[in-house]
């Protein structure tokens, strides 16, 4: 799983599809679209203020650490953003 990505953040038209693939509909309103870093879509949780970073195809999850995006499991990413 050890995949690392470095990419500048760009902001454009929001891509909600990856988030819609991994979260139940009632949870979607808890997120703001923040942009993308390469193929990674960035979403911020309104309450915890933590990021959920998902690949554009919805299959990979990342945590930002030391200037790069490090691949993590879906469970780890969701637990982190929900502050569990």
Protein backbone atom coordinates (compact mmCIF):
# COMPACT_ATOMS: atom_id res chain seq x y z
CA UNK A 1 0.00 0.00 0.00
CA UNK A 2 2.91 2.42 0.54
CA UNK A 3 2.03 4.87 -2.22
CA UNK A 4 3.22 8.47 -1.96
CA UNK A 5 1.99 11.40 -4.04
CA UNK A 6 3.26 14.97 -4.29
CA UNK A 7 1.09 17.33 -6.29
CA UNK A 8 0.05 20.98 -6.08
CA UNK A 9 -3.51 21.71 -5.02
CA UNK A 10 -5.80 23.15 -7.68
CA UNK A 11 -9.37 24.31 -7.28
CA UNK A 12 -11.90 23.95 -10.05
CA UNK A 13 -15.30 22.41 -10.60
CA UNK A 14 -16.13 20.19 -7.60
CA UNK A 15 -16.03 16.43 -8.18
CA UNK A 16 -18.42 14.84 -5.70
CA UNK A 17 -18.43 11.38 -7.33
CA UNK A 18 -15.61 9.82 -5.21
CA UNK A 19 -17.24 11.00 -1.97
CA UNK A 20 -20.64 9.71 -3.10
CA UNK A 21 -19.09 6.29 -3.74
CA UNK A 22 -17.83 5.85 -0.17
CA UNK A 23 -20.31 7.64 2.10
CA UNK A 24 -24.03 7.18 2.74
CA UNK A 25 -26.14 10.06 1.39
CA UNK A 26 -26.95 11.58 4.83
CA UNK A 27 -23.22 12.11 5.53
CA UNK A 28 -22.44 13.98 2.30
CA UNK A 29 -23.68 17.30 3.66
CA UNK A 30 -20.93 17.17 6.31
CA UNK A 31 -18.21 17.76 3.70
CA UNK A 32 -16.89 20.72 1.73
CA UNK A 33 -15.02 20.31 -1.53
CA UNK A 34 -11.53 21.82 -1.20
CA UNK A 35 -9.87 21.02 -4.53
CA UNK A 36 -7.62 18.35 -5.97
CA UNK A 37 -3.98 17.35 -5.83
CA UNK A 38 -3.23 15.46 -9.03
CA UNK A 39 -5.74 12.59 -9.10
CA UNK A 40 -6.69 13.03 -5.43
CA UNK A 41 -9.93 14.83 -4.53
CA UNK A 42 -9.84 16.77 -1.24
CA UNK A 43 -12.87 17.06 1.04
CA UNK A 44 -13.02 18.72 4.46
CA UNK A 45 -15.37 17.62 7.23
CA UNK A 46 -17.40 20.55 8.54
CA UNK A 47 -17.25 19.52 12.21
CA UNK A 48 -13.89 17.83 12.68
CA UNK A 49 -12.13 20.09 10.11
CA UNK A 50 -10.18 17.02 8.99
CA UNK A 51 -9.60 16.08 5.38
CA UNK A 52 -10.82 13.02 3.52
CA UNK A 53 -8.58 12.59 0.46
CA UNK A 54 -9.89 10.14 -2.13
CA UNK A 55 -8.56 9.11 -5.53
CA UNK A 56 -10.73 10.27 -8.42
CA UNK A 57 -11.87 6.68 -9.02
CA UNK A 58 -12.87 6.27 -5.33
CA UNK A 59 -10.60 3.27 -4.75
CA UNK A 60 -7.66 4.77 -2.83
CA UNK A 61 -7.48 6.96 0.26
CA UNK A 62 -4.69 9.27 1.41
CA UNK A 63 -3.52 11.19 4.45
CA UNK A 64 -1.38 14.31 4.02
CA UNK A 65 1.88 13.92 5.92
CA UNK A 66 5.25 15.68 5.66
CA UNK A 67 4.40 17.42 2.38
CA UNK A 68 3.02 14.40 0.54
CA UNK A 69 -0.07 12.24 0.33
CA UNK A 70 0.43 8.78 1.81
CA UNK A 71 -1.97 5.98 0.91
CA UNK A 72 -4.00 4.62 3.86
CA UNK A 73 -6.87 2.15 4.16
CA UNK A 74 -10.46 3.29 3.67
CA UNK A 75 -11.25 2.40 7.29
CA UNK A 76 -8.32 4.44 8.57
CA UNK A 77 -9.26 7.43 6.42
CA UNK A 78 -12.92 7.40 7.48
CA UNK A 79 -12.11 6.88 11.18
CA UNK A 80 -9.65 9.79 11.03
CA UNK A 81 -12.02 12.23 9.35
CA UNK A 82 -14.86 11.28 11.72
CA UNK A 83 -12.46 11.63 14.67
CA UNK A 84 -13.14 8.11 15.98
